[in-house]
Amino acid sequence: MTPALTYFLPSLKFSKGKIILFVWLFFSLALVNAQQVKDSLLKEITTIQKQQSFDVKDTVYIDLLADLGSELRFYNTDSMLLLSKQ
């Protein structure tokens, strides 16, 4: 352990297994959160599309599409193409 870590965390022993477990938990929680954000945006977009006064030029609708696009940009580029045509 480095001297800085020894100073701040003198009694903790870090093993490779604990570090790998921590990293895995961190990234799995981040992925779950990303999926929830995507699902929430899709739900809001669907709700707006079902309204009788729906207009494709509605700024709220366009902003939601842009937000969804930024969430999908690294995961599914085919979906981004379909989304951009809306």
C-alpha atoms as a PDB file:
ATOM      1  CA  MET A   1       0.000   0.000   0.000  1.00  0.00           C
ATOM      2  CA  THR A   2       1.243   3.479  -0.788  1.00  0.00           C
ATOM      3  CA  PRO A   3       2.246   5.761   2.111  1.00  0.00           C
ATOM      4  CA  ALA A   4      -0.701   8.096   1.444  1.00  0.00           C
ATOM      5  CA  LEU A   5      -3.216   5.244   1.680  1.00  0.00           C
ATOM      6  CA  THR A   6      -1.479   3.914   4.776  1.00  0.00           C
ATOM      7  CA  TYR A   7      -1.820   7.312   6.416  1.00  0.00           C
ATOM      8  CA  PHE A   8      -5.537   7.712   5.657  1.00  0.00           C
ATOM      9  CA  LEU A   9      -6.569   4.061   5.886  1.00  0.00           C
ATOM     10  CA  PRO A  10      -4.088   2.397   8.220  1.00  0.00           C
ATOM     11  CA  SER A  11      -6.172  -0.584   9.282  1.00  0.00           C
ATOM     12  CA  LEU A  12      -7.739  -1.569   5.942  1.00  0.00           C
ATOM     13  CA  LYS A  13      -6.236  -4.347   3.917  1.00  0.00           C
ATOM     14  CA  PHE A  14      -6.960  -4.158   0.188  1.00  0.00           C
ATOM     15  CA  SER A  15      -6.899  -7.367  -1.782  1.00  0.00           C
ATOM     16  CA  LYS A  16      -7.362  -7.785  -5.504  1.00  0.00           C
ATOM     17  CA  GLY A  17     -10.660  -9.556  -4.889  1.00  0.00           C
ATOM     18  CA  LYS A  18     -12.082  -6.672  -2.854  1.00  0.00           C
ATOM     19  CA  ILE A  19     -11.001  -4.124  -5.437  1.00  0.00           C
ATOM     20  CA  ILE A  20     -12.493  -6.146  -8.297  1.00  0.00           C
ATOM     21  CA  LEU A  21     -15.737  -6.564  -6.351  1.00  0.00           C
ATOM     22  CA  PHE A  22     -15.928  -2.819  -5.669  1.00  0.00           C
ATOM     23  CA  VAL A  23     -15.295  -1.924  -9.330  1.00  0.00           C
ATOM     24  CA  TRP A  24     -17.871  -4.478 -10.515  1.00  0.00           C
ATOM     25  CA  LEU A  25     -20.509  -3.137  -8.103  1.00  0.00           C
ATOM     26  CA  PHE A  26     -19.804   0.448  -9.119  1.00  0.00           C
ATOM     27  CA  PHE A  27     -20.224  -0.232 -12.838  1.00  0.00           C
ATOM     28  CA  SER A  28     -23.251  -2.495 -12.433  1.00  0.00           C
ATOM     29  CA  LEU A  29     -25.060   0.211 -10.449  1.00  0.00           C
ATOM     30  CA  ALA A  30     -24.154   2.774 -13.115  1.00  0.00           C
ATOM     31  CA  LEU A  31     -25.623   0.534 -15.831  1.00  0.00           C
ATOM     32  CA  VAL A  32     -28.858   0.032 -13.895  1.00  0.00           C
ATOM     33  CA  ASN A  33     -29.206   3.780 -13.455  1.00  0.00           C
ATOM     34  CA  ALA A  34     -28.586   4.389 -17.165  1.00  0.00           C
ATOM     35  CA  GLN A  35     -31.337   1.909 -18.073  1.00  0.00           C
ATOM     36  CA  GLN A  36     -33.763   3.643 -15.709  1.00  0.00           C
ATOM     37  CA  VAL A  37     -33.021   7.032 -17.281  1.00  0.00           C
ATOM     38  CA  LYS A  38     -33.609   5.621 -20.771  1.00  0.00           C
ATOM     39  CA  ASP A  39     -36.874   3.988 -19.721  1.00  0.00           C
ATOM     40  CA  SER A  40     -38.062   7.182 -18.059  1.00  0.00           C
ATOM     41  CA  LEU A  41     -37.354   9.245 -21.177  1.00  0.00           C
ATOM     42  CA  LEU A  42     -39.135   6.722 -23.400  1.00  0.00           C
ATOM     43  CA  LYS A  43     -42.173   6.810 -21.116  1.00  0.00           C
ATOM     44  CA  GLU A  44     -42.326  10.615 -21.221  1.00  0.00           C
ATOM     45  CA  ILE A  45     -41.976  10.650 -25.020  1.00  0.00           C
ATOM     46  CA  THR A  46     -44.759   8.084 -25.406  1.00  0.00           C
ATOM     47  CA  THR A  47     -47.010  10.092 -23.093  1.00  0.00           C
ATOM     48  CA  ILE A  48     -46.493  13.239 -25.150  1.00  0.00           C
ATOM     49  CA  GLN A  49     -47.074  11.383 -28.435  1.00  0.00           C
ATOM     50  CA  LYS A  50     -50.431  10.069 -27.186  1.00  0.00           C
ATOM     51  CA  GLN A  51     -51.778  13.546 -26.415  1.00  0.00           C
ATOM     52  CA  GLN A  52     -54.403  14.872 -28.838  1.00  0.00           C
ATOM     53  CA  SER A  53     -52.577  18.177 -29.119  1.00  0.00           C
ATOM     54  CA  PHE A  54     -49.294  16.443 -30.046  1.00  0.00           C
ATOM     55  CA  ASP A  55     -47.072  18.400 -32.426  1.00  0.00           C
ATOM     56  CA  VAL A  56     -43.652  17.223 -33.618  1.00  0.00           C
ATOM     57  CA  LYS A  57     -42.424  20.820 -33.285  1.00  0.00           C
ATOM     58  CA  ASP A  58     -43.165  20.864 -29.539  1.00  0.00           C
ATOM     59  CA  THR A  59     -39.958  21.944 -27.786  1.00  0.00           C
ATOM     60  CA  VAL A  60     -40.514  19.641 -24.804  1.00  0.00           C
ATOM     61  CA  TYR A  61     -40.848  16.678 -27.171  1.00  0.00           C
ATOM     62  CA  ILE A  62     -37.722  17.713 -29.089  1.00  0.00           C
ATOM     63  CA  ASP A  63     -35.749  18.164 -25.866  1.00  0.00           C
ATOM     64  CA  LEU A  64     -36.782  14.696 -24.676  1.00  0.00           C
ATOM     65  CA  LEU A  65     -35.686  13.193 -28.002  1.00  0.00           C
ATOM     66  CA  ALA A  66     -32.337  14.977 -27.698  1.00  0.00           C
ATOM     67  CA  ASP A  67     -31.908  13.695 -24.136  1.00  0.00           C
ATOM     68  CA  LEU A  68     -32.745  10.158 -25.236  1.00  0.00           C
ATOM     69  CA  GLY A  69     -30.287  10.474 -28.106  1.00  0.00           C
ATOM     70  CA  SER A  70     -27.515  11.492 -25.744  1.00  0.00           C
ATOM     71  CA  GLU A  71     -28.303   8.472 -23.546  1.00  0.00           C
ATOM     72  CA  LEU A  72     -28.182   6.084 -26.528  1.00  0.00           C
ATOM     73  CA  ARG A  73     -25.192   7.560 -28.364  1.00  0.00           C
ATOM     74  CA  PHE A  74     -22.664   4.962 -27.224  1.00  0.00           C
ATOM     75  CA  TYR A  75     -24.924   1.931 -26.905  1.00  0.00           C
ATOM     76  CA  ASN A  76     -27.085   1.523 -29.968  1.00  0.00           C
ATOM     77  CA  THR A  77     -26.225   3.598 -33.016  1.00  0.00           C
ATOM     78  CA  ASP A  78     -29.031   2.044 -35.096  1.00  0.00           C
ATOM     79  CA  SER A  79     -31.579   3.335 -32.616  1.00  0.00           C
ATOM     80  CA  MET A  80     -29.957   6.757 -32.862  1.00  0.00           C
ATOM     81  CA  LEU A  81     -30.564   6.767 -36.631  1.00  0.00           C
ATOM     82  CA  LEU A  82     -34.244   5.909 -36.184  1.00  0.00           C
ATOM     83  CA  LEU A  83     -34.584   8.463 -33.412  1.00  0.00           C
ATOM     84  CA  SER A  84     -32.994  11.206 -35.515  1.00  0.00           C
ATOM     85  CA  LYS A  85     -35.639  10.694 -38.213  1.00  0.00           C
ATOM     86  CA  GLN A  86     -38.408  11.527 -35.757  1.00  0.00           C
END
